C-alpha cells in the first residue's frame, strides 16, 4: 500500500477524532446546552479554517458551486446536528448508535444510485458484518427504544450520507482544504441562529470548558473534516471511505473509558472484534480471495 496516495490514514484519523468528540461533548454539556455547543464548536473550527485560508491564500469557490457548498454545510453540520440531537434526546444511546450506523450503508446505496459506484459481493457482506458488530456492541446489554426519535435519527443518517456524497463530488474540483473549509463556513453560518444562547452561556463558563470547546472545534471538527475530505479526494469510491464510520462506536467506547472512566463491557469487545473483522474483509477480502483462487 502506498501510504502517500492512500485514503486509509486520513479516514482513520477522522474516525479517531470523531470518536473523541463524544467524551469531550459530554464534558462540555455539563455547562453548555446542546445547540449552543454545536455553534461554538464549529465557530472555533471556522476560525481555525480562516487562519489557514489566509496563510495559504485559499481561493474562493466558483459562483456555480456555492449552492453545493451550502448544501454540504447544511447537511453535514446544521441538519445533522439538529436531527441527531433531537432524536438522541428521546431514545437510548444504544438505539441512536445503531440508527446512525446506517450512514455508511445509506452512503453506499446512494453512491450506487447517483454515481454508479459498484461494490463487490464480499464488500456488501462485510458491510452487513460491520453493522452486526455495531448492533452487538451497543445493544447486547441494552434495550432498543422505539419512538419518534428514530425518525429524527434516521434523518441524521441520511444527512450524513448526503454530506458524504457532496464531499466526494466537491473534492473532484476543489482541494480537500477548500472543500472542508467552505462546508464548515456555511454550516457555521446556519448554526449562528443559536448564537444568542451561546453568548449567554459562555459568559459564565468555567476555564476548563474553553479547553473542551477548543478540542471539539480544532481536532474533532476542523482537522477531522479536513482529513475526511482528503480521504474522499484520494479514494476511487465514496463507500470505501464512509465504511470507516463503522469504527466510531467501538472507538467511542474505548475513549470514554480512557477519558470519562466509563468501563467497556463484554459487548464492546465482542462487537468491536466483529467490526474490525468486517473492515478487514471490506478492504482485503478481494485480495485474499484472489490469492486463494490462484493457489
Protein backbone atom coordinates (compact mmCIF):
# COMPACT_ATOMS: atom_id res chain seq x y z
CA UNK A 1 0.00 0.00 0.00
CA UNK A 2 1.31 3.44 -1.00
CA UNK A 3 0.55 5.45 2.16
CA UNK A 4 1.16 8.78 0.41
CA UNK A 5 -1.64 8.16 -2.09
CA UNK A 6 -3.88 6.16 0.24
CA UNK A 7 -7.17 7.31 1.77
CA UNK A 8 -6.82 4.90 4.73
CA UNK A 9 -4.73 7.08 7.12
CA UNK A 10 -6.93 10.12 6.50
CA UNK A 11 -10.17 8.21 7.08
CA UNK A 12 -8.69 6.63 10.21
CA UNK A 13 -7.57 9.99 11.63
CA UNK A 14 -11.09 11.31 11.09
CA UNK A 15 -12.91 8.50 12.89
CA UNK A 16 -10.42 8.69 15.77
CA UNK A 17 -11.14 12.39 16.27
CA UNK A 18 -14.89 11.91 15.77
CA UNK A 19 -14.80 9.19 18.40
CA UNK A 20 -13.07 11.57 20.81
CA UNK A 21 -15.91 14.04 20.29
CA UNK A 22 -18.38 12.04 22.40
CA UNK A 23 -16.30 12.25 25.58
CA UNK A 24 -15.49 15.94 25.23
CA UNK A 25 -19.06 16.75 24.23
CA UNK A 26 -20.29 15.06 27.37
CA UNK A 27 -17.85 17.15 29.43
CA UNK A 28 -18.85 20.36 27.65
CA UNK A 29 -22.56 19.64 28.13
CA UNK A 30 -22.03 19.97 31.87
CA UNK A 31 -22.27 23.70 31.22
CA UNK A 32 -23.46 24.36 27.67
CA UNK A 33 -26.77 23.42 26.06
CA UNK A 34 -26.61 21.15 23.01
CA UNK A 35 -27.33 23.67 20.26
CA UNK A 36 -25.16 26.45 21.63
CA UNK A 37 -22.32 23.94 22.00
CA UNK A 38 -22.79 22.93 18.38
CA UNK A 39 -22.50 26.54 17.26
CA UNK A 40 -19.42 27.24 19.41
CA UNK A 41 -17.72 24.04 18.26
CA UNK A 42 -18.00 24.98 14.59
CA UNK A 43 -17.31 28.65 15.25
CA UNK A 44 -13.90 27.60 16.58
CA UNK A 45 -13.47 25.30 13.59
CA UNK A 46 -14.34 28.16 11.24
CA UNK A 47 -11.88 30.48 12.98
CA UNK A 48 -9.13 27.89 12.57
CA UNK A 49 -10.02 27.49 8.90
CA UNK A 50 -9.99 31.27 8.36
CA UNK A 51 -6.41 31.43 9.65
CA UNK A 52 -5.35 28.55 7.40
CA UNK A 53 -7.18 30.10 4.45
CA UNK A 54 -5.39 33.40 4.97
CA UNK A 55 -1.96 31.79 5.28
CA UNK A 56 -2.45 29.58 2.21
CA UNK A 57 -4.23 32.33 0.24
CA UNK A 58 -7.11 29.97 -0.42
CA UNK A 59 -9.22 30.87 -3.43
CA UNK A 60 -13.00 31.33 -3.05
CA UNK A 61 -15.36 28.82 -4.66
CA UNK A 62 -16.81 29.46 -8.11
CA UNK A 63 -20.28 31.01 -8.10
CA UNK A 64 -21.75 27.94 -9.76
CA UNK A 65 -20.59 25.76 -6.86
CA UNK A 66 -21.74 27.93 -3.95
CA UNK A 67 -25.06 26.07 -3.71
CA UNK A 68 -23.15 22.80 -3.43
CA UNK A 69 -21.14 24.17 -0.52
CA UNK A 70 -24.31 25.49 1.12
CA UNK A 71 -25.85 22.05 0.76
CA UNK A 72 -22.70 20.46 2.17
CA UNK A 73 -22.68 22.77 5.19
CA UNK A 74 -26.42 22.36 5.65
CA UNK A 75 -26.44 18.55 5.59
CA UNK A 76 -23.13 17.84 7.31
CA UNK A 77 -23.41 20.34 10.13
CA UNK A 78 -26.73 22.18 10.53
CA UNK A 79 -29.29 19.48 9.70
CA UNK A 80 -27.19 16.67 11.12
CA UNK A 81 -26.73 18.37 14.47
CA UNK A 82 -30.41 19.27 14.82
CA UNK A 83 -31.75 15.87 13.77
CA UNK A 84 -29.21 13.92 15.80
CA UNK A 85 -29.61 15.97 18.99
CA UNK A 86 -33.42 15.93 18.75
CA UNK A 87 -33.52 12.19 18.17
CA UNK A 88 -30.88 11.37 20.78
CA UNK A 89 -32.93 13.19 23.42
CA UNK A 90 -35.79 10.68 23.15
CA UNK A 91 -34.11 7.32 22.53
CA UNK A 92 -31.39 5.34 24.26
CA UNK A 93 -27.77 5.88 23.26
CA UNK A 94 -27.70 2.26 22.04
CA UNK A 95 -30.60 2.88 19.68
CA UNK A 96 -29.01 6.11 18.49
CA UNK A 97 -25.72 4.38 17.69
CA UNK A 98 -27.44 1.69 15.64
CA UNK A 99 -29.56 4.12 13.60
CA UNK A 100 -26.67 6.49 12.83
CA UNK A 101 -24.53 3.46 11.92
CA UNK A 102 -26.83 3.16 8.91
CA UNK A 103 -24.99 6.14 7.39
CA UNK A 104 -22.24 4.06 5.69
CA UNK A 105 -24.90 1.69 4.34
CA UNK A 106 -27.01 4.56 3.01
CA UNK A 107 -23.89 6.18 1.55
CA UNK A 108 -23.08 3.01 -0.37
CA UNK A 109 -26.65 2.79 -1.68
CA UNK A 110 -26.78 6.48 -2.69
CA UNK A 111 -23.34 6.26 -4.34
CA UNK A 112 -24.66 3.32 -6.35
CA UNK A 113 -27.73 5.33 -7.38
CA UNK A 114 -26.13 8.68 -8.20
CA UNK A 115 -22.50 7.87 -9.03
CA UNK A 116 -23.00 4.36 -10.37
CA UNK A 117 -20.38 3.08 -7.93
CA UNK A 118 -20.49 -0.68 -7.58
CA UNK A 119 -19.41 -2.78 -4.63
CA UNK A 120 -18.36 -6.40 -4.86
CA UNK A 121 -20.44 -9.06 -3.17
CA UNK A 122 -17.85 -9.56 -0.42
CA UNK A 123 -17.95 -5.81 0.33
CA UNK A 124 -21.72 -5.86 0.84
CA UNK A 125 -21.27 -8.87 3.10
CA UNK A 126 -18.57 -7.06 5.07
CA UNK A 127 -20.88 -4.03 5.50
CA UNK A 128 -23.53 -6.36 6.93
CA UNK A 129 -20.91 -7.87 9.27
CA UNK A 130 -19.83 -4.42 10.48
CA UNK A 131 -23.41 -3.31 11.07
CA UNK A 132 -24.00 -6.51 13.03
CA UNK A 133 -20.94 -5.63 15.12
CA UNK A 134 -22.43 -2.21 15.90
CA UNK A 135 -25.69 -3.87 16.97
CA UNK A 136 -23.82 -6.26 19.26
CA UNK A 137 -21.61 -3.50 20.68
CA UNK A 138 -24.44 -1.13 21.50
CA UNK A 139 -27.37 -3.40 22.23
CA UNK A 140 -26.17 -6.67 23.77
CA UNK A 141 -26.87 -5.27 27.22
CA UNK A 142 -29.34 -2.57 26.18
CA UNK A 143 -32.90 -2.21 25.01
CA UNK A 144 -33.94 -0.90 21.60
CA UNK A 145 -36.31 2.01 22.17
CA UNK A 146 -38.97 2.78 19.58
CA UNK A 147 -40.47 6.27 19.31
CA UNK A 148 -40.44 9.37 17.10
CA UNK A 149 -36.77 9.87 17.91
CA UNK A 150 -35.92 7.07 15.47
CA UNK A 151 -37.30 9.17 12.62
CA UNK A 152 -35.08 12.09 13.64
CA UNK A 153 -32.03 9.83 13.88
CA UNK A 154 -32.79 8.28 10.51
CA UNK A 155 -32.85 11.84 9.17
CA UNK A 156 -29.42 12.35 10.76
CA UNK A 157 -28.09 9.26 8.99
CA UNK A 158 -29.49 10.50 5.67
CA UNK A 159 -27.98 13.97 6.22
CA UNK A 160 -24.58 12.45 6.88
CA UNK A 161 -24.85 10.21 3.82
CA UNK A 162 -25.75 13.14 1.55
CA UNK A 163 -22.84 15.09 3.03
CA UNK A 164 -20.50 12.21 2.13
CA UNK A 165 -21.72 12.25 -1.46
CA UNK A 166 -21.29 16.03 -1.70
CA UNK A 167 -17.76 15.76 -0.33
CA UNK A 168 -16.96 13.19 -2.98
CA UNK A 169 -18.27 15.49 -5.71
CA UNK A 170 -16.61 18.67 -4.42
CA UNK A 171 -13.17 17.11 -3.91
CA UNK A 172 -13.04 16.34 -7.63
CA UNK A 173 -12.90 20.08 -8.31
CA UNK A 174 -11.54 21.63 -5.11
CA UNK A 175 -8.75 20.78 -2.72
CA UNK A 176 -9.63 18.96 0.48
CA UNK A 177 -8.85 22.16 2.41
CA UNK A 178 -11.25 24.24 0.31
CA UNK A 179 -13.95 21.58 0.48
CA UNK A 180 -13.79 21.22 4.26
CA UNK A 181 -13.36 24.94 4.96
CA UNK A 182 -16.25 26.26 2.87
CA UNK A 183 -18.55 23.47 4.07
CA UNK A 184 -17.76 24.40 7.68
CA UNK A 185 -18.17 28.12 6.96
CA UNK A 186 -21.68 27.71 5.57
CA UNK A 187 -22.63 25.22 8.27
CA UNK A 188 -21.49 27.65 10.96
CA UNK A 189 -23.47 30.49 9.40
CA UNK A 190 -26.62 28.38 9.66
CA UNK A 191 -25.84 27.38 13.24
CA UNK A 192 -25.47 31.07 14.13
CA UNK A 193 -29.21 31.08 14.91
CA UNK A 194 -28.14 29.58 18.25
CA UNK A 195 -25.52 32.28 18.92
CA UNK A 196 -27.59 34.34 21.42
CA UNK A 197 -27.84 31.39 23.80
CA UNK A 198 -24.18 30.55 23.26
CA UNK A 199 -23.09 34.09 24.15
CA UNK A 200 -25.08 34.00 27.39
CA UNK A 201 -23.65 30.64 28.39
CA UNK A 202 -20.04 31.42 27.51
CA UNK A 203 -20.05 34.42 29.88
CA UNK A 204 -20.39 32.10 32.88
CA UNK A 205 -18.30 29.19 31.57
CA UNK A 206 -15.50 27.88 33.84
CA UNK A 207 -11.96 27.83 32.35
CA UNK A 208 -11.88 24.10 31.57
CA UNK A 209 -14.91 24.48 29.31
CA UNK A 210 -12.87 26.62 26.91
CA UNK A 211 -10.40 23.74 26.65
CA UNK A 212 -13.20 21.30 25.81
CA UNK A 213 -14.63 23.62 23.14
CA UNK A 214 -11.14 24.18 21.73
CA UNK A 215 -10.57 20.43 21.37
CA UNK A 216 -14.01 19.94 19.82
CA UNK A 217 -13.54 22.82 17.41
CA UNK A 218 -9.96 22.24 16.27
CA UNK A 219 -9.40 18.49 16.49
CA UNK A 220 -12.81 16.83 16.20
CA UNK A 221 -14.10 19.39 13.67
CA UNK A 222 -11.53 21.38 11.67
CA UNK A 223 -8.86 18.68 11.40
CA UNK A 224 -11.30 15.77 11.30
CA UNK A 225 -13.38 17.18 8.46
CA UNK A 226 -10.25 18.23 6.59
CA UNK A 227 -8.84 14.69 6.69
CA UNK A 228 -12.30 13.32 5.78
CA UNK A 229 -12.33 15.48 2.65
CA UNK A 230 -8.74 14.41 1.95
CA UNK A 231 -9.78 10.77 2.16
CA UNK A 232 -12.56 11.32 -0.39
CA UNK A 233 -10.14 13.11 -2.71
CA UNK A 234 -7.82 10.09 -2.73
CA UNK A 235 -10.38 7.28 -2.81
CA UNK A 236 -11.78 5.78 -6.01
CA UNK A 237 -15.21 5.17 -4.46
CA UNK A 238 -17.30 7.00 -1.87
CA UNK A 239 -18.24 3.97 0.21
CA UNK A 240 -14.66 2.82 0.83
CA UNK A 241 -14.19 5.98 2.90
CA UNK A 242 -17.61 6.07 4.61
CA UNK A 243 -17.10 2.43 5.57
CA UNK A 244 -14.65 3.61 8.25
CA UNK A 245 -17.57 5.19 10.12
CA UNK A 246 -18.41 1.73 11.47
CA UNK A 247 -15.34 2.05 13.72
CA UNK A 248 -16.76 5.07 15.55
CA UNK A 249 -18.97 3.28 18.15
CA UNK A 250 -16.11 0.96 19.14
CA UNK A 251 -13.50 3.72 19.41
CA UNK A 252 -16.00 5.91 21.25
CA UNK A 253 -16.36 3.21 23.91
CA UNK A 254 -12.58 2.98 24.33
CA UNK A 255 -12.08 6.74 24.59
CA UNK A 256 -14.99 7.03 27.01
CA UNK A 257 -13.16 4.58 29.24
CA UNK A 258 -9.86 6.47 28.99
CA UNK A 259 -11.29 9.99 29.42
CA UNK A 260 -14.52 9.51 31.37
CA UNK A 261 -13.79 6.27 33.19
CA UNK A 262 -16.78 4.51 31.60
CA UNK A 263 -15.58 0.92 31.69
CA UNK A 264 -16.26 -1.05 28.47
CA UNK A 265 -18.26 -4.24 28.89
CA UNK A 266 -18.07 -7.60 27.13
CA UNK A 267 -20.34 -6.32 24.36
CA UNK A 268 -17.78 -3.64 23.48
CA UNK A 269 -15.03 -6.19 22.89
CA UNK A 270 -17.23 -8.69 21.03
CA UNK A 271 -18.86 -6.01 18.88
CA UNK A 272 -15.53 -4.29 18.30
CA UNK A 273 -13.93 -7.53 17.15
CA UNK A 274 -16.78 -8.14 14.70
CA UNK A 275 -16.45 -4.59 13.32
CA UNK A 276 -12.68 -4.99 12.85
CA UNK A 277 -13.21 -8.30 11.05
CA UNK A 278 -15.77 -6.63 8.77
CA UNK A 279 -13.40 -3.75 7.97
CA UNK A 280 -10.60 -6.21 7.19
CA UNK A 281 -12.97 -8.15 4.90
CA UNK A 282 -14.06 -4.94 3.13
CA UNK A 283 -10.52 -3.75 2.39
CA UNK A 284 -8.64 -7.00 1.85
CA UNK A 285 -11.30 -9.62 1.08
CA UNK A 286 -10.82 -9.32 -2.68
CA UNK A 287 -7.04 -9.71 -2.45
CA UNK A 288 -7.31 -12.73 -0.17
CA UNK A 289 -9.94 -14.38 -2.38
CA UNK A 290 -7.72 -13.86 -5.44
CA UNK A 291 -4.71 -15.39 -3.69
CA UNK A 292 -6.75 -18.39 -2.61
CA UNK A 293 -8.08 -18.75 -6.15
CA UNK A 294 -4.59 -18.63 -7.62
CA UNK A 295 -3.35 -21.20 -5.11
